[in-house]
């Protein structure tokens, strides 16, 4: 029997929704998994260190490890109206020389901030779920928020200063590629094909019967209301999750090209996705 594949994804509602069928053997029962649930920036680090075989990673982090990893066309988070927000106690805050809490240097949110904001912005890295309390407490001037925080920041008395997804879409006309499912390039081709098919099948199963994963999603998002969980899934799970397609692939290329033009990262290799376009 083959050793289990090391799978890492976040406990956020969209990831739990996407992977429910896969980790419970409802699809691809011939594959076995050791599951690691971690914050996205922690997943970025585990992938970079080779501690996982299949991992949800930020596209920003993926661009730096693409020599060792493929990206799968299914399972990721990409779309319109899904970008990170900058929030603050004062909606008139000027970002110049402000201190902004970010969810990690490897996140796509941080790359978008680098593309958007002046260099004088002071960045402080925090785990994503500690950012809003830090802003609310006055420990930082503003926060760069991701995941479910985009639905709950008003509860912390915070206001939106900028929507970086909206800004990106206006600038490029492309959807924003946030994160995707990466798989190690050194796995056998047969295994790569099986994993790609399994992730796709898990997304299909989740969308076909959303109620099947409800308890699993709730168990990993205990502090979120059912309404927020539903909004989170509806926002981050879409047709790009099923297959990034040519529009999604072009959006990834655009992200890396814009970042390379600004000197923020080297341009990665062109063959990024496993399988046929």
C-alpha atoms as a PDB file:
ATOM      1  CA  UNK A   1       0.000   0.000   0.000  1.00  0.00           C
ATOM      2  CA  UNK A   2       1.318   3.435  -0.947  1.00  0.00           C
ATOM      3  CA  UNK A   3       2.092   5.904   1.845  1.00  0.00           C
ATOM      4  CA  UNK A   4      -0.589   8.560   2.447  1.00  0.00           C
ATOM      5  CA  UNK A   5      -0.114  11.845   0.643  1.00  0.00           C
ATOM      6  CA  UNK A   6       0.446  14.829   2.914  1.00  0.00           C
ATOM      7  CA  UNK A   7      -2.389  17.261   2.213  1.00  0.00           C
ATOM      8  CA  UNK A   8      -2.549  20.775   3.638  1.00  0.00           C
ATOM      9  CA  UNK A   9      -5.407  23.256   3.464  1.00  0.00           C
ATOM     10  CA  UNK A  10      -6.897  25.911   5.704  1.00  0.00           C
ATOM     11  CA  UNK A  11      -9.866  25.476   8.040  1.00  0.00           C
ATOM     12  CA  UNK A  12     -11.676  28.309   6.227  1.00  0.00           C
ATOM     13  CA  UNK A  13     -15.185  27.449   5.012  1.00  0.00           C
ATOM     14  CA  UNK A  14     -14.283  27.396   1.314  1.00  0.00           C
ATOM     15  CA  UNK A  15     -11.393  24.954   1.786  1.00  0.00           C
ATOM     16  CA  UNK A  16     -13.365  22.670   4.103  1.00  0.00           C
ATOM     17  CA  UNK A  17     -16.200  22.746   1.575  1.00  0.00           C
ATOM     18  CA  UNK A  18     -13.900  21.917  -1.347  1.00  0.00           C
ATOM     19  CA  UNK A  19     -12.004  19.097   0.366  1.00  0.00           C
ATOM     20  CA  UNK A  20     -14.804  17.448   2.342  1.00  0.00           C
ATOM     21  CA  UNK A  21     -15.554  14.745  -0.225  1.00  0.00           C
ATOM     22  CA  UNK A  22     -11.877  14.035  -0.841  1.00  0.00           C
ATOM     23  CA  UNK A  23     -10.764  13.623   2.767  1.00  0.00           C
ATOM     24  CA  UNK A  24     -13.816  11.512   3.611  1.00  0.00           C
ATOM     25  CA  UNK A  25     -13.222   9.072   0.780  1.00  0.00           C
ATOM     26  CA  UNK A  26     -16.384  10.035  -1.097  1.00  0.00           C
ATOM     27  CA  UNK A  27     -14.244  10.533  -4.200  1.00  0.00           C
ATOM     28  CA  UNK A  28     -10.985   8.807  -5.160  1.00  0.00           C
ATOM     29  CA  UNK A  29     -11.158   6.264  -2.293  1.00  0.00           C
ATOM     30  CA  UNK A  30      -7.979   4.653  -3.655  1.00  0.00           C
ATOM     31  CA  UNK A  31      -5.987   7.650  -2.428  1.00  0.00           C
ATOM     32  CA  UNK A  32      -5.111   8.085   1.248  1.00  0.00           C
ATOM     33  CA  UNK A  33      -4.219  11.305   2.993  1.00  0.00           C
ATOM     34  CA  UNK A  34      -2.585  12.767   6.051  1.00  0.00           C
ATOM     35  CA  UNK A  35      -4.428  16.055   6.526  1.00  0.00           C
ATOM     36  CA  UNK A  36      -2.816  19.214   7.921  1.00  0.00           C
ATOM     37  CA  UNK A  37      -5.120  22.154   8.674  1.00  0.00           C
ATOM     38  CA  UNK A  38      -3.132  25.374   8.909  1.00  0.00           C
ATOM     39  CA  UNK A  39      -3.307  29.111   8.318  1.00  0.00           C
ATOM     40  CA  UNK A  40      -2.504  30.007   4.696  1.00  0.00           C
ATOM     41  CA  UNK A  41       0.853  31.592   5.476  1.00  0.00           C
ATOM     42  CA  UNK A  42       1.844  28.519   7.472  1.00  0.00           C
ATOM     43  CA  UNK A  43       0.853  26.394   4.474  1.00  0.00           C
ATOM     44  CA  UNK A  44       3.014  28.584   2.246  1.00  0.00           C
ATOM     45  CA  UNK A  45       5.971  27.853   4.508  1.00  0.00           C
ATOM     46  CA  UNK A  46       5.297  24.124   4.732  1.00  0.00           C
ATOM     47  CA  UNK A  47       5.143  23.891   0.941  1.00  0.00           C
ATOM     48  CA  UNK A  48       8.349  25.862   0.549  1.00  0.00           C
ATOM     49  CA  UNK A  49      10.066  23.523   3.014  1.00  0.00           C
ATOM     50  CA  UNK A  50       8.801  20.411   1.201  1.00  0.00           C
ATOM     51  CA  UNK A  51       6.732  19.249   4.185  1.00  0.00           C
ATOM     52  CA  UNK A  52       3.592  18.602   2.128  1.00  0.00           C
ATOM     53  CA  UNK A  53       2.743  16.804  -1.114  1.00  0.00           C
ATOM     54  CA  UNK A  54      -0.466  18.681  -1.953  1.00  0.00           C
ATOM     55  CA  UNK A  55      -1.075  22.114  -0.502  1.00  0.00           C
ATOM     56  CA  UNK A  56      -3.370  25.112  -0.704  1.00  0.00           C
ATOM     57  CA  UNK A  57      -0.933  27.993  -1.215  1.00  0.00           C
ATOM     58  CA  UNK A  58      -1.112  31.659  -2.085  1.00  0.00           C
ATOM     59  CA  UNK A  59      -0.357  32.437  -5.715  1.00  0.00           C
ATOM     60  CA  UNK A  60       2.310  34.855  -4.511  1.00  0.00           C
ATOM     61  CA  UNK A  61       4.091  32.052  -2.649  1.00  0.00           C
ATOM     62  CA  UNK A  62       3.539  29.656  -5.533  1.00  0.00           C
ATOM     63  CA  UNK A  63       5.358  31.977  -7.928  1.00  0.00           C
ATOM     64  CA  UNK A  64       8.480  31.546  -5.802  1.00  0.00           C
ATOM     65  CA  UNK A  65       8.301  27.730  -5.584  1.00  0.00           C
ATOM     66  CA  UNK A  66       7.021  26.919  -9.068  1.00  0.00           C
ATOM     67  CA  UNK A  67      10.238  25.116  -9.984  1.00  0.00           C
ATOM     68  CA  UNK A  68       9.295  22.418  -7.444  1.00  0.00           C
ATOM     69  CA  UNK A  69       5.493  22.567  -7.604  1.00  0.00           C
ATOM     70  CA  UNK A  70       2.710  22.403 -10.164  1.00  0.00           C
ATOM     71  CA  UNK A  71      -0.567  24.243  -9.710  1.00  0.00           C
ATOM     72  CA  UNK A  72      -3.755  22.248 -10.230  1.00  0.00           C
ATOM     73  CA  UNK A  73      -6.531  23.809 -12.306  1.00  0.00           C
ATOM     74  CA  UNK A  74      -9.192  22.952  -9.689  1.00  0.00           C
ATOM     75  CA  UNK A  75      -9.799  23.699  -6.024  1.00  0.00           C
ATOM     76  CA  UNK A  76      -8.452  27.232  -5.709  1.00  0.00           C
ATOM     77  CA  UNK A  77      -9.779  30.672  -4.835  1.00  0.00           C
ATOM     78  CA  UNK A  78     -10.009  33.149  -7.693  1.00  0.00           C
ATOM     79  CA  UNK A  79     -12.655  35.480  -8.967  1.00  0.00           C
ATOM     80  CA  UNK A  80     -14.266  38.876  -9.014  1.00  0.00           C
ATOM     81  CA  UNK A  81     -15.174  40.619  -5.778  1.00  0.00           C
ATOM     82  CA  UNK A  82     -12.941  38.338  -3.693  1.00  0.00           C
ATOM     83  CA  UNK A  83      -9.913  40.537  -3.055  1.00  0.00           C
ATOM     84  CA  UNK A  84      -8.421  41.578   0.282  1.00  0.00           C
ATOM     85  CA  UNK A  85      -9.572  44.754   2.015  1.00  0.00           C
ATOM     86  CA  UNK A  86      -7.676  47.431   3.904  1.00  0.00           C
ATOM     87  CA  UNK A  87      -9.673  48.394   6.982  1.00  0.00           C
ATOM     88  CA  UNK A  88      -9.124  50.958   9.709  1.00  0.00           C
ATOM     89  CA  UNK A  89     -10.890  52.664  12.570  1.00  0.00           C
ATOM     90  CA  UNK A  90     -11.018  55.839  10.446  1.00  0.00           C
ATOM     91  CA  UNK A  91     -12.210  55.474   6.847  1.00  0.00           C
ATOM     92  CA  UNK A  92     -10.283  58.646   5.944  1.00  0.00           C
ATOM     93  CA  UNK A  93      -6.940  57.135   6.916  1.00  0.00           C
ATOM     94  CA  UNK A  94      -4.069  58.034   4.581  1.00  0.00           C
ATOM     95  CA  UNK A  95      -1.847  55.008   4.003  1.00  0.00           C
ATOM     96  CA  UNK A  96       1.322  57.040   3.554  1.00  0.00           C
ATOM     97  CA  UNK A  97       3.561  56.071   6.528  1.00  0.00           C
ATOM     98  CA  UNK A  98       0.696  54.179   8.171  1.00  0.00           C
ATOM     99  CA  UNK A  99       1.364  50.917   9.987  1.00  0.00           C
ATOM    100  CA  UNK A 100      -0.586  48.117   8.328  1.00  0.00           C
ATOM    101  CA  UNK A 101      -0.952  44.593   9.697  1.00  0.00           C
ATOM    102  CA  UNK A 102      -0.678  41.984   6.930  1.00  0.00           C
ATOM    103  CA  UNK A 103      -1.473  38.246   6.929  1.00  0.00           C
ATOM    104  CA  UNK A 104       2.061  37.261   5.888  1.00  0.00           C
ATOM    105  CA  UNK A 105       4.734  38.105   3.362  1.00  0.00           C
ATOM    106  CA  UNK A 106       3.905  35.143   1.125  1.00  0.00           C
ATOM    107  CA  UNK A 107       0.215  35.907   0.763  1.00  0.00           C
ATOM    108  CA  UNK A 108      -1.232  37.287  -2.439  1.00  0.00           C
ATOM    109  CA  UNK A 109      -2.808  39.987  -0.294  1.00  0.00           C
ATOM    110  CA  UNK A 110       0.649  41.207   0.679  1.00  0.00           C
ATOM    111  CA  UNK A 111       1.758  41.230  -2.964  1.00  0.00           C
ATOM    112  CA  UNK A 112      -1.297  43.292  -3.893  1.00  0.00           C
ATOM    113  CA  UNK A 113      -0.475  45.723  -1.089  1.00  0.00           C
ATOM    114  CA  UNK A 114       3.052  46.063  -2.483  1.00  0.00           C
ATOM    115  CA  UNK A 115       1.606  46.822  -5.918  1.00  0.00           C
ATOM    116  CA  UNK A 116      -0.984  49.258  -4.556  1.00  0.00           C
ATOM    117  CA  UNK A 117       0.515  51.151  -1.645  1.00  0.00           C
ATOM    118  CA  UNK A 118       3.436  53.568  -1.332  1.00  0.00           C
ATOM    119  CA  UNK A 119       6.721  52.123  -0.126  1.00  0.00           C
ATOM    120  CA  UNK A 120       6.448  54.254   3.008  1.00  0.00           C
ATOM    121  CA  UNK A 121       3.720  51.998   4.396  1.00  0.00           C
ATOM    122  CA  UNK A 122       5.064  50.115   7.419  1.00  0.00           C
ATOM    123  CA  UNK A 123       4.050  46.456   7.411  1.00  0.00           C
ATOM    124  CA  UNK A 124       3.624  44.222  10.463  1.00  0.00           C
ATOM    125  CA  UNK A 125       2.958  40.526   9.823  1.00  0.00           C
ATOM    126  CA  UNK A 126       0.254  38.835  11.902  1.00  0.00           C
ATOM    127  CA  UNK A 127      -1.833  35.707  11.604  1.00  0.00           C
ATOM    128  CA  UNK A 128      -4.886  36.695   9.583  1.00  0.00           C
ATOM    129  CA  UNK A 129      -7.410  36.157  12.395  1.00  0.00           C
ATOM    130  CA  UNK A 130      -5.534  38.453  14.808  1.00  0.00           C
ATOM    131  CA  UNK A 131      -5.460  41.451  12.467  1.00  0.00           C
ATOM    132  CA  UNK A 132      -8.892  42.964  13.137  1.00  0.00           C
ATOM    133  CA  UNK A 133      -8.542  42.835  16.942  1.00  0.00           C
ATOM    134  CA  UNK A 134      -5.145  44.552  16.598  1.00  0.00           C
ATOM    135  CA  UNK A 135      -6.647  47.338  14.487  1.00  0.00           C
ATOM    136  CA  UNK A 136      -9.602  47.669  16.839  1.00  0.00           C
ATOM    137  CA  UNK A 137      -7.238  47.954  19.823  1.00  0.00           C
ATOM    138  CA  UNK A 138      -5.150  50.651  18.134  1.00  0.00           C
ATOM    139  CA  UNK A 139      -2.018  48.481  17.952  1.00  0.00           C
ATOM    140  CA  UNK A 140      -1.759  49.268  14.222  1.00  0.00           C
ATOM    141  CA  UNK A 141      -3.287  51.938  12.012  1.00  0.00           C
ATOM    142  CA  UNK A 142      -4.896  49.567   9.536  1.00  0.00           C
ATOM    143  CA  UNK A 143      -5.213  45.922   8.625  1.00  0.00           C
ATOM    144  CA  UNK A 144      -5.065  43.970   5.391  1.00  0.00           C
ATOM    145  CA  UNK A 145      -7.829  41.407   5.827  1.00  0.00           C
ATOM    146  CA  UNK A 146      -8.632  38.191   3.958  1.00  0.00           C
ATOM    147  CA  UNK A 147     -10.987  35.206   4.183  1.00  0.00           C
ATOM    148  CA  UNK A 148     -14.115  35.632   6.271  1.00  0.00           C
ATOM    149  CA  UNK A 149     -12.884  38.922   7.745  1.00  0.00           C
ATOM    150  CA  UNK A 150     -14.325  40.751   4.744  1.00  0.00           C
ATOM    151  CA  UNK A 151     -17.797  39.872   6.075  1.00  0.00           C
ATOM    152  CA  UNK A 152     -17.243  40.634   9.770  1.00  0.00           C
ATOM    153  CA  UNK A 153     -15.040  43.746   9.984  1.00  0.00           C
ATOM    154  CA  UNK A 154     -17.977  46.118  10.729  1.00  0.00           C
ATOM    155  CA  UNK A 155     -18.575  44.133  13.918  1.00  0.00           C
ATOM    156  CA  UNK A 156     -15.154  45.394  15.084  1.00  0.00           C
ATOM    157  CA  UNK A 157     -16.080  49.026  14.434  1.00  0.00           C
ATOM    158  CA  UNK A 158     -13.817  49.121  11.386  1.00  0.00           C
ATOM    159  CA  UNK A 159     -14.265  50.795   8.024  1.00  0.00           C
ATOM    160  CA  UNK A 160     -13.078  49.906   4.556  1.00  0.00           C
ATOM    161  CA  UNK A 161     -10.257  52.114   3.321  1.00  0.00           C
ATOM    162  CA  UNK A 162      -9.572  50.218   0.072  1.00  0.00           C
ATOM    163  CA  UNK A 163     -10.691  47.101  -1.761  1.00  0.00           C
ATOM    164  CA  UNK A 164      -7.557  45.710  -3.424  1.00  0.00           C
ATOM    165  CA  UNK A 165      -9.536  43.223  -5.468  1.00  0.00           C
ATOM    166  CA  UNK A 166     -11.684  45.988  -6.909  1.00  0.00           C
ATOM    167  CA  UNK A 167      -8.550  48.026  -7.584  1.00  0.00           C
ATOM    168  CA  UNK A 168      -6.877  45.032  -9.282  1.00  0.00           C
ATOM    169  CA  UNK A 169      -9.881  44.372 -11.510  1.00  0.00           C
ATOM    170  CA  UNK A 170     -10.024  48.028 -12.577  1.00  0.00           C
ATOM    171  CA  UNK A 171      -6.284  48.061 -13.283  1.00  0.00           C
ATOM    172  CA  UNK A 172      -6.061  44.776 -15.185  1.00  0.00           C
ATOM    173  CA  UNK A 173      -9.580  43.710 -16.149  1.00  0.00           C
ATOM    174  CA  UNK A 174      -8.719  40.282 -14.744  1.00  0.00           C
ATOM    175  CA  UNK A 175     -10.096  38.252 -11.835  1.00  0.00           C
ATOM    176  CA  UNK A 176      -7.817  38.152  -8.819  1.00  0.00           C
ATOM    177  CA  UNK A 177      -5.975  34.851  -8.281  1.00  0.00           C
ATOM    178  CA  UNK A 178      -5.720  34.445  -4.517  1.00  0.00           C
ATOM    179  CA  UNK A 179      -4.656  30.847  -3.914  1.00  0.00           C
ATOM    180  CA  UNK A 180      -4.675  27.447  -5.499  1.00  0.00           C
ATOM    181  CA  UNK A 181      -3.908  23.779  -4.929  1.00  0.00           C
ATOM    182  CA  UNK A 182      -0.265  23.003  -5.583  1.00  0.00           C
ATOM    183  CA  UNK A 183       1.249  19.552  -5.976  1.00  0.00           C
ATOM    184  CA  UNK A 184       4.887  18.508  -5.953  1.00  0.00           C
ATOM    185  CA  UNK A 185       6.524  18.142  -9.354  1.00  0.00           C
ATOM    186  CA  UNK A 186       8.547  15.132  -8.218  1.00  0.00           C
ATOM    187  CA  UNK A 187       5.473  12.930  -7.718  1.00  0.00           C
ATOM    188  CA  UNK A 188       4.928  10.235 -10.371  1.00  0.00           C
ATOM    189  CA  UNK A 189       2.817  11.363 -13.329  1.00  0.00           C
ATOM    190  CA  UNK A 190       0.184   8.747 -12.513  1.00  0.00           C
ATOM    191  CA  UNK A 191      -0.133  10.166  -9.008  1.00  0.00           C
ATOM    192  CA  UNK A 192      -0.329  13.719 -10.341  1.00  0.00           C
ATOM    193  CA  UNK A 193      -3.163  12.717 -12.672  1.00  0.00           C
ATOM    194  CA  UNK A 194      -5.018  10.934  -9.869  1.00  0.00           C
ATOM    195  CA  UNK A 195      -4.661  13.867  -7.478  1.00  0.00           C
ATOM    196  CA  UNK A 196      -5.808  16.362 -10.109  1.00  0.00           C
ATOM    197  CA  UNK A 197      -8.855  14.232 -10.897  1.00  0.00           C
ATOM    198  CA  UNK A 198      -9.620  13.748  -7.196  1.00  0.00           C
ATOM    199  CA  UNK A 199      -9.549  17.464  -6.396  1.00  0.00           C
ATOM    200  CA  UNK A 200     -11.774  18.210  -9.388  1.00  0.00           C
ATOM    201  CA  UNK A 201     -14.191  15.470  -8.349  1.00  0.00           C
ATOM    202  CA  UNK A 202     -14.275  16.815  -4.789  1.00  0.00           C
ATOM    203  CA  UNK A 203     -15.270  20.273  -6.049  1.00  0.00           C
ATOM    204  CA  UNK A 204     -17.971  18.748  -8.256  1.00  0.00           C
ATOM    205  CA  UNK A 205     -19.339  16.733  -5.324  1.00  0.00           C
ATOM    206  CA  UNK A 206     -19.336  19.774  -3.021  1.00  0.00           C
ATOM    207  CA  UNK A 207     -21.238  21.926  -5.475  1.00  0.00           C
ATOM    208  CA  UNK A 208     -23.691  19.141  -6.307  1.00  0.00           C
ATOM    209  CA  UNK A 209     -24.666  18.626  -2.656  1.00  0.00           C
ATOM    210  CA  UNK A 210     -23.616  21.575  -0.460  1.00  0.00           C
ATOM    211  CA  UNK A 211     -25.432  20.168   2.553  1.00  0.00           C
ATOM    212  CA  UNK A 212     -23.139  17.123   2.703  1.00  0.00           C
ATOM    213  CA  UNK A 213     -20.186  19.186   3.932  1.00  0.00           C
ATOM    214  CA  UNK A 214     -22.118  21.500   6.262  1.00  0.00           C
ATOM    215  CA  UNK A 215     -21.137  19.786   9.516  1.00  0.00           C
ATOM    216  CA  UNK A 216     -17.487  19.524   8.463  1.00  0.00           C
ATOM    217  CA  UNK A 217     -17.388  23.194   7.486  1.00  0.00           C
ATOM    218  CA  UNK A 218     -19.046  24.218  10.757  1.00  0.00           C
ATOM    219  CA  UNK A 219     -16.650  22.133  12.835  1.00  0.00           C
ATOM    220  CA  UNK A 220     -13.676  24.059  11.474  1.00  0.00           C
ATOM    221  CA  UNK A 221     -15.303  27.501  11.580  1.00  0.00           C
ATOM    222  CA  UNK A 222     -16.874  27.346  15.018  1.00  0.00           C
ATOM    223  CA  UNK A 223     -16.843  31.095  15.653  1.00  0.00           C
ATOM    224  CA  UNK A 224     -18.641  31.951  12.411  1.00  0.00           C
ATOM    225  CA  UNK A 225     -22.395  32.107  12.049  1.00  0.00           C
ATOM    226  CA  UNK A 226     -24.101  29.895   9.461  1.00  0.00           C
ATOM    227  CA  UNK A 227     -24.837  33.013   7.429  1.00  0.00           C
ATOM    228  CA  UNK A 228     -21.169  34.027   7.308  1.00  0.00           C
ATOM    229  CA  UNK A 229     -20.111  30.498   6.394  1.00  0.00           C
ATOM    230  CA  UNK A 230     -22.591  30.464   3.544  1.00  0.00           C
ATOM    231  CA  UNK A 231     -21.508  33.882   2.276  1.00  0.00           C
ATOM    232  CA  UNK A 232     -17.882  32.818   2.489  1.00  0.00           C
ATOM    233  CA  UNK A 233     -18.460  29.722   0.364  1.00  0.00           C
ATOM    234  CA  UNK A 234     -20.663  31.565  -2.120  1.00  0.00           C
ATOM    235  CA  UNK A 235     -17.940  34.199  -2.538  1.00  0.00           C
ATOM    236  CA  UNK A 236     -14.831  32.054  -2.813  1.00  0.00           C
ATOM    237  CA  UNK A 237     -16.175  28.896  -4.492  1.00  0.00           C
ATOM    238  CA  UNK A 238     -17.167  29.560  -8.093  1.00  0.00           C
ATOM    239  CA  UNK A 239     -16.555  28.373 -11.645  1.00  0.00           C
ATOM    240  CA  UNK A 240     -12.843  29.230 -11.320  1.00  0.00           C
ATOM    241  CA  UNK A 241     -12.709  26.769  -8.416  1.00  0.00           C
ATOM    242  CA  UNK A 242     -13.916  24.034 -10.726  1.00  0.00           C
ATOM    243  CA  UNK A 243     -11.408  24.963 -13.435  1.00  0.00           C
ATOM    244  CA  UNK A 244      -9.338  28.146 -13.736  1.00  0.00           C
ATOM    245  CA  UNK A 245      -9.677  27.950 -17.520  1.00  0.00           C
ATOM    246  CA  UNK A 246      -7.883  30.253 -19.959  1.00  0.00           C
ATOM    247  CA  UNK A 247      -9.146  33.408 -18.247  1.00  0.00           C
ATOM    248  CA  UNK A 248      -7.806  32.256 -14.897  1.00  0.00           C
ATOM    249  CA  UNK A 249      -4.463  31.191 -16.314  1.00  0.00           C
ATOM    250  CA  UNK A 250      -4.102  34.576 -17.996  1.00  0.00           C
ATOM    251  CA  UNK A 251      -4.910  36.284 -14.683  1.00  0.00           C
ATOM    252  CA  UNK A 252      -2.104  34.349 -12.965  1.00  0.00           C
ATOM    253  CA  UNK A 253       0.313  35.360 -15.708  1.00  0.00           C
ATOM    254  CA  UNK A 254      -0.773  38.978 -15.321  1.00  0.00           C
ATOM    255  CA  UNK A 255      -0.199  38.899 -11.563  1.00  0.00           C
ATOM    256  CA  UNK A 256       3.333  37.585 -11.964  1.00  0.00           C
ATOM    257  CA  UNK A 257       4.141  39.913 -14.854  1.00  0.00           C
ATOM    258  CA  UNK A 258       3.003  43.009 -12.933  1.00  0.00           C
ATOM    259  CA  UNK A 259       4.962  41.916  -9.873  1.00  0.00           C
ATOM    260  CA  UNK A 260       8.097  41.235 -11.916  1.00  0.00           C
ATOM    261  CA  UNK A 261       7.807  44.605 -13.659  1.00  0.00           C
ATOM    262  CA  UNK A 262       7.850  46.282 -10.237  1.00  0.00           C
ATOM    263  CA  UNK A 263      10.843  44.214  -9.119  1.00  0.00           C
ATOM    264  CA  UNK A 264       8.810  42.489  -6.400  1.00  0.00           C
ATOM    265  CA  UNK A 265       9.618  38.925  -7.478  1.00  0.00           C
ATOM    266  CA  UNK A 266      11.304  37.116 -10.345  1.00  0.00           C
ATOM    267  CA  UNK A 267       9.082  35.964 -13.188  1.00  0.00           C
ATOM    268  CA  UNK A 268       8.424  32.238 -12.650  1.00  0.00           C
ATOM    269  CA  UNK A 269       8.671  29.548 -15.318  1.00  0.00           C
ATOM    270  CA  UNK A 270       5.851  29.535 -17.893  1.00  0.00           C
ATOM    271  CA  UNK A 271       4.564  25.963 -17.346  1.00  0.00           C
ATOM    272  CA  UNK A 272       2.680  26.471 -14.108  1.00  0.00           C
ATOM    273  CA  UNK A 273      -0.390  24.223 -14.344  1.00  0.00           C
ATOM    274  CA  UNK A 274      -0.502  20.432 -14.388  1.00  0.00           C
ATOM    275  CA  UNK A 275      -2.473  18.889 -17.242  1.00  0.00           C
ATOM    276  CA  UNK A 276      -3.846  20.223 -20.460  1.00  0.00           C
ATOM    277  CA  UNK A 277      -5.259  23.758 -20.718  1.00  0.00           C
END
